[in-house]
Amino acid sequence: TNYLLIFTFSLCFQKVPLLASRAFSSSARQLRNKVPEFQKIFQEDNGLPVHIKGGTFDVLLYRATMTLTLGGTCYSVYWLLFASMPQRKA
């Protein structure tokens, strides 16, 4: 039984290099390096903060984040004040 287990185990590991070579084959899609383009955009001296230099989507994301943050803060303060008031006795 040990020989059968060793044989099965060795067969499994003989296929690992084959699978690895298929996963990293040369037929994989080549991606274009966009880093130099983004470096030009984000290092440009145009007076904008870095978190909104990416364009309209970044501005919208920033405003949505600030709105949710301020809204959540106001909501938390409201409930803290509500919880600190004495309750009426019925």
C-alpha atoms as a PDB file:
ATOM      1  CA  THR A   1       0.000   0.000   0.000  1.00  0.00           C
ATOM      2  CA  ASN A   2       2.915   2.341   0.638  1.00  0.00           C
ATOM      3  CA  TYR A   3       4.211   1.766  -2.886  1.00  0.00           C
ATOM      4  CA  LEU A   4       0.826   2.660  -4.360  1.00  0.00           C
ATOM      5  CA  LEU A   5       0.684   5.838  -2.264  1.00  0.00           C
ATOM      6  CA  ILE A   6       4.216   6.857  -3.286  1.00  0.00           C
ATOM      7  CA  PHE A   7       3.463   6.095  -6.948  1.00  0.00           C
ATOM      8  CA  THR A   8       0.264   8.192  -6.881  1.00  0.00           C
ATOM      9  CA  PHE A   9       2.046  10.996  -5.059  1.00  0.00           C
ATOM     10  CA  SER A  10       4.879  11.049  -7.616  1.00  0.00           C
ATOM     11  CA  LEU A  11       2.410  11.084 -10.526  1.00  0.00           C
ATOM     12  CA  CYS A  12       0.678  14.117  -9.091  1.00  0.00           C
ATOM     13  CA  PHE A  13       3.924  16.073  -8.768  1.00  0.00           C
ATOM     14  CA  GLN A  14       5.095  15.156 -12.265  1.00  0.00           C
ATOM     15  CA  LYS A  15       2.272  17.295 -13.675  1.00  0.00           C
ATOM     16  CA  VAL A  16       3.104  20.420 -11.647  1.00  0.00           C
ATOM     17  CA  PRO A  17       5.862  21.742 -13.984  1.00  0.00           C
ATOM     18  CA  LEU A  18       3.579  21.154 -16.974  1.00  0.00           C
ATOM     19  CA  LEU A  19       0.768  23.138 -15.376  1.00  0.00           C
ATOM     20  CA  ALA A  20       3.140  25.900 -14.326  1.00  0.00           C
ATOM     21  CA  SER A  21       4.512  26.253 -17.849  1.00  0.00           C
ATOM     22  CA  ARG A  22       0.982  26.538 -19.222  1.00  0.00           C
ATOM     23  CA  ALA A  23       0.050  29.213 -16.694  1.00  0.00           C
ATOM     24  CA  PHE A  24       3.031  31.386 -17.666  1.00  0.00           C
ATOM     25  CA  SER A  25       3.128  30.743 -21.383  1.00  0.00           C
ATOM     26  CA  SER A  26       4.222  33.311 -23.936  1.00  0.00           C
ATOM     27  CA  SER A  27       0.729  33.434 -25.413  1.00  0.00           C
ATOM     28  CA  ALA A  28      -0.450  35.519 -22.457  1.00  0.00           C
ATOM     29  CA  ARG A  29      -1.690  38.986 -23.303  1.00  0.00           C
ATOM     30  CA  GLN A  30       1.007  41.646 -23.052  1.00  0.00           C
ATOM     31  CA  LEU A  31      -0.099  44.702 -21.069  1.00  0.00           C
ATOM     32  CA  ARG A  32       1.129  48.189 -21.859  1.00  0.00           C
ATOM     33  CA  ASN A  33       3.029  49.984 -19.105  1.00  0.00           C
ATOM     34  CA  LYS A  34       0.936  53.037 -18.135  1.00  0.00           C
ATOM     35  CA  VAL A  35       3.171  54.203 -15.278  1.00  0.00           C
ATOM     36  CA  PRO A  36       5.031  56.913 -17.266  1.00  0.00           C
ATOM     37  CA  GLU A  37       1.696  58.419 -18.376  1.00  0.00           C
ATOM     38  CA  PHE A  38       0.401  58.512 -14.816  1.00  0.00           C
ATOM     39  CA  GLN A  39       3.684  59.999 -13.593  1.00  0.00           C
ATOM     40  CA  LYS A  40       3.273  62.885 -16.037  1.00  0.00           C
ATOM     41  CA  ILE A  41      -0.307  63.480 -14.891  1.00  0.00           C
ATOM     42  CA  PHE A  42       0.332  63.324 -11.162  1.00  0.00           C
ATOM     43  CA  GLN A  43       3.644  65.215 -11.157  1.00  0.00           C
ATOM     44  CA  GLU A  44       2.320  68.107 -13.259  1.00  0.00           C
ATOM     45  CA  ASP A  45       2.400  71.416 -11.363  1.00  0.00           C
ATOM     46  CA  ASN A  46      -1.169  72.623 -11.962  1.00  0.00           C
ATOM     47  CA  GLY A  47      -2.124  73.661  -8.425  1.00  0.00           C
ATOM     48  CA  LEU A  48      -4.447  70.692  -7.838  1.00  0.00           C
ATOM     49  CA  PRO A  49      -4.072  68.383  -4.856  1.00  0.00           C
ATOM     50  CA  VAL A  50      -2.847  64.925  -5.809  1.00  0.00           C
ATOM     51  CA  HIS A  51      -6.097  63.210  -4.810  1.00  0.00           C
ATOM     52  CA  ILE A  52      -8.069  65.012  -7.570  1.00  0.00           C
ATOM     53  CA  LYS A  53      -5.470  65.142 -10.350  1.00  0.00           C
ATOM     54  CA  GLY A  54      -6.902  61.995 -11.944  1.00  0.00           C
ATOM     55  CA  GLY A  55      -9.863  63.827 -13.454  1.00  0.00           C
ATOM     56  CA  THR A  56     -13.621  63.933 -13.051  1.00  0.00           C
ATOM     57  CA  PHE A  57     -13.953  60.500 -11.481  1.00  0.00           C
ATOM     58  CA  ASP A  58     -11.447  61.410  -8.756  1.00  0.00           C
ATOM     59  CA  VAL A  59     -13.306  64.656  -8.015  1.00  0.00           C
ATOM     60  CA  LEU A  60     -16.639  62.819  -7.772  1.00  0.00           C
ATOM     61  CA  LEU A  61     -15.112  60.129  -5.565  1.00  0.00           C
ATOM     62  CA  TYR A  62     -13.561  62.789  -3.307  1.00  0.00           C
ATOM     63  CA  ARG A  63     -16.845  64.688  -2.965  1.00  0.00           C
ATOM     64  CA  ALA A  64     -18.831  61.508  -2.268  1.00  0.00           C
ATOM     65  CA  THR A  65     -16.300  60.497   0.394  1.00  0.00           C
ATOM     66  CA  MET A  66     -16.438  63.925   2.054  1.00  0.00           C
ATOM     67  CA  THR A  67     -20.251  63.940   1.953  1.00  0.00           C
ATOM     68  CA  LEU A  68     -20.473  60.502   3.550  1.00  0.00           C
ATOM     69  CA  THR A  69     -17.860  61.442   6.155  1.00  0.00           C
ATOM     70  CA  LEU A  70     -19.564  64.686   7.155  1.00  0.00           C
ATOM     71  CA  GLY A  71     -23.001  63.071   7.072  1.00  0.00           C
ATOM     72  CA  GLY A  72     -21.830  60.196   9.258  1.00  0.00           C
ATOM     73  CA  THR A  73     -20.166  62.579  11.699  1.00  0.00           C
ATOM     74  CA  CYS A  74     -23.318  64.715  12.013  1.00  0.00           C
ATOM     75  CA  TYR A  75     -25.458  61.594  12.444  1.00  0.00           C
ATOM     76  CA  SER A  76     -23.155  60.283  15.170  1.00  0.00           C
ATOM     77  CA  VAL A  77     -23.150  63.621  17.019  1.00  0.00           C
ATOM     78  CA  TYR A  78     -26.970  63.751  16.814  1.00  0.00           C
ATOM     79  CA  TRP A  79     -27.332  60.313  18.392  1.00  0.00           C
ATOM     80  CA  LEU A  80     -24.703  61.084  21.031  1.00  0.00           C
ATOM     81  CA  LEU A  81     -26.654  64.207  22.017  1.00  0.00           C
ATOM     82  CA  PHE A  82     -29.924  62.252  21.940  1.00  0.00           C
ATOM     83  CA  ALA A  83     -28.443  59.548  24.186  1.00  0.00           C
ATOM     84  CA  SER A  84     -27.092  62.121  26.647  1.00  0.00           C
ATOM     85  CA  MET A  85     -30.490  63.753  27.269  1.00  0.00           C
ATOM     86  CA  PRO A  86     -32.529  62.469  30.210  1.00  0.00           C
ATOM     87  CA  GLN A  87     -35.473  60.300  29.210  1.00  0.00           C
ATOM     88  CA  ARG A  88     -39.022  61.381  30.007  1.00  0.00           C
ATOM     89  CA  LYS A  89     -40.871  59.260  32.519  1.00  0.00           C
ATOM     90  CA  ALA A  90     -44.224  58.045  31.265  1.00  0.00           C
END
